[in-house]
Amino acid sequence: MTQRAMFRPHQSLPTPPNGRDAAGTAALVLALSSLALTSVVGAFLLVIPVGFAAIVCGVVGVRRAKRGEASNGRMALVGLVPGSVITVPATCFLMWLITGLYGAYA
């Protein structure tokens, strides 16, 4: 006759990711910063580099979350989308402004 175990064998809790959530958090903070910079007259030229940094951090954060290295994939995605939505029109506007000024003085 076989003995039956009274309790299930010990199972440990899943270990949390090892602190690789910084890229997703940075993407969200940078996207919100670039959004705030759009309303400041003198800081409009900072929108493009800050937004580009938000896009890069968002892509890194989403990839880390897909690999299971980070736990804030949604936060990275929420930083990636507004970062790109703000950066692309700002870049197009700046290019339009530069080409317009160049055409006026050429």
Protein backbone atom coordinates (compact mmCIF):
# COMPACT_ATOMS: atom_id res chain seq x y z
CA MET A 1 0.00 0.00 0.00
CA THR A 2 1.39 3.44 -0.94
CA GLN A 3 1.36 6.36 1.40
CA ARG A 4 -0.41 9.42 0.29
CA ALA A 5 1.15 12.82 0.95
CA MET A 6 -0.87 15.02 3.21
CA PHE A 7 0.35 18.23 1.62
CA ARG A 8 1.44 19.10 -1.87
CA PRO A 9 5.16 19.41 -2.43
CA HIS A 10 6.64 22.81 -1.71
CA GLN A 11 6.34 25.32 -4.52
CA SER A 12 8.09 28.63 -4.31
CA LEU A 13 6.48 31.87 -5.36
CA PRO A 14 7.51 33.26 -8.72
CA THR A 15 10.41 35.61 -8.36
CA PRO A 16 9.83 39.17 -9.47
CA PRO A 17 11.94 40.57 -12.28
CA ASN A 18 15.32 41.76 -11.18
CA GLY A 19 14.76 45.51 -11.31
CA ARG A 20 14.70 46.04 -15.08
CA ASP A 21 11.64 48.30 -15.03
CA ALA A 22 13.51 51.59 -15.39
CA ALA A 23 13.14 51.85 -19.17
CA GLY A 24 9.34 51.71 -19.03
CA THR A 25 9.19 54.27 -16.26
CA ALA A 26 11.61 56.54 -18.10
CA ALA A 27 9.52 56.26 -21.27
CA LEU A 28 6.41 57.44 -19.46
CA VAL A 29 8.21 60.29 -17.69
CA LEU A 30 9.91 61.46 -20.89
CA ALA A 31 6.66 61.30 -22.87
CA LEU A 32 4.89 63.43 -20.28
CA SER A 33 7.84 65.82 -20.23
CA SER A 34 7.78 66.23 -23.99
CA LEU A 35 4.04 66.87 -23.80
CA ALA A 36 4.64 69.60 -21.23
CA LEU A 37 7.46 71.09 -23.34
CA THR A 38 5.14 71.59 -26.29
CA SER A 39 3.36 74.36 -24.42
CA VAL A 40 6.54 76.22 -23.45
CA VAL A 41 7.51 78.70 -26.13
CA GLY A 42 11.28 78.70 -25.68
CA ALA A 43 11.59 74.97 -25.06
CA PHE A 44 9.91 73.76 -28.26
CA LEU A 45 13.24 72.60 -29.68
CA LEU A 46 13.65 70.25 -26.70
CA VAL A 47 10.47 68.36 -27.62
CA ILE A 48 12.18 66.37 -30.37
CA PRO A 49 15.16 64.98 -28.37
CA VAL A 50 13.04 64.29 -25.29
CA GLY A 51 10.36 62.61 -27.41
CA PHE A 52 12.98 60.56 -29.24
CA ALA A 53 14.37 59.42 -25.89
CA ALA A 54 10.82 58.44 -24.85
CA ILE A 55 10.46 56.36 -28.02
CA VAL A 56 13.79 54.59 -27.47
CA CYS A 57 13.07 53.88 -23.80
CA GLY A 58 9.56 52.69 -24.67
CA VAL A 59 10.85 50.24 -27.27
CA VAL A 60 13.47 48.92 -24.83
CA GLY A 61 10.86 48.60 -22.08
CA VAL A 62 8.36 46.77 -24.28
CA ARG A 63 11.03 44.33 -25.48
CA ARG A 64 12.17 43.66 -21.92
CA ALA A 65 8.57 43.01 -20.87
CA LYS A 66 8.05 40.59 -23.75
CA ARG A 67 11.15 38.66 -22.71
CA GLY A 68 9.93 38.59 -19.11
CA GLU A 69 12.75 40.74 -17.78
CA ALA A 70 10.46 43.61 -16.77
CA SER A 71 6.98 43.77 -15.33
CA ASN A 72 5.80 47.14 -16.61
CA GLY A 73 5.21 46.53 -20.30
CA ARG A 74 2.01 48.56 -20.30
CA MET A 75 3.78 51.54 -18.77
CA ALA A 76 6.44 51.31 -21.46
CA LEU A 77 3.75 51.15 -24.14
CA VAL A 78 1.92 54.10 -22.61
CA GLY A 79 5.20 56.04 -22.80
CA LEU A 80 5.99 54.87 -26.33
CA VAL A 81 2.70 55.86 -27.96
CA PRO A 82 2.44 59.47 -26.73
CA GLY A 83 6.17 59.93 -27.23
CA SER A 84 5.83 59.05 -30.90
CA VAL A 85 2.55 60.92 -31.32
CA ILE A 86 4.20 64.09 -30.00
CA THR A 87 7.61 63.70 -31.66
CA VAL A 88 6.54 62.99 -35.24
CA PRO A 89 4.35 66.12 -35.70
CA ALA A 90 6.92 68.27 -33.88
CA THR A 91 9.64 67.03 -36.23
CA CYS A 92 7.45 67.63 -39.29
CA PHE A 93 6.59 71.13 -38.07
CA LEU A 94 10.24 71.95 -37.46
CA MET A 95 11.22 70.65 -40.90
CA TRP A 96 8.41 72.69 -42.49
CA LEU A 97 9.54 75.78 -40.58
CA ILE A 98 13.19 75.34 -41.58
CA THR A 99 12.39 74.72 -45.27
CA GLY A 100 10.03 77.69 -45.27
CA LEU A 101 12.65 79.98 -43.80
CA TYR A 102 15.28 78.62 -46.15
CA GLY A 103 13.02 79.26 -49.15
CA ALA A 104 12.31 82.81 -47.98
CA TYR A 105 16.01 83.71 -47.80
CA ALA A 106 17.30 81.76 -50.79
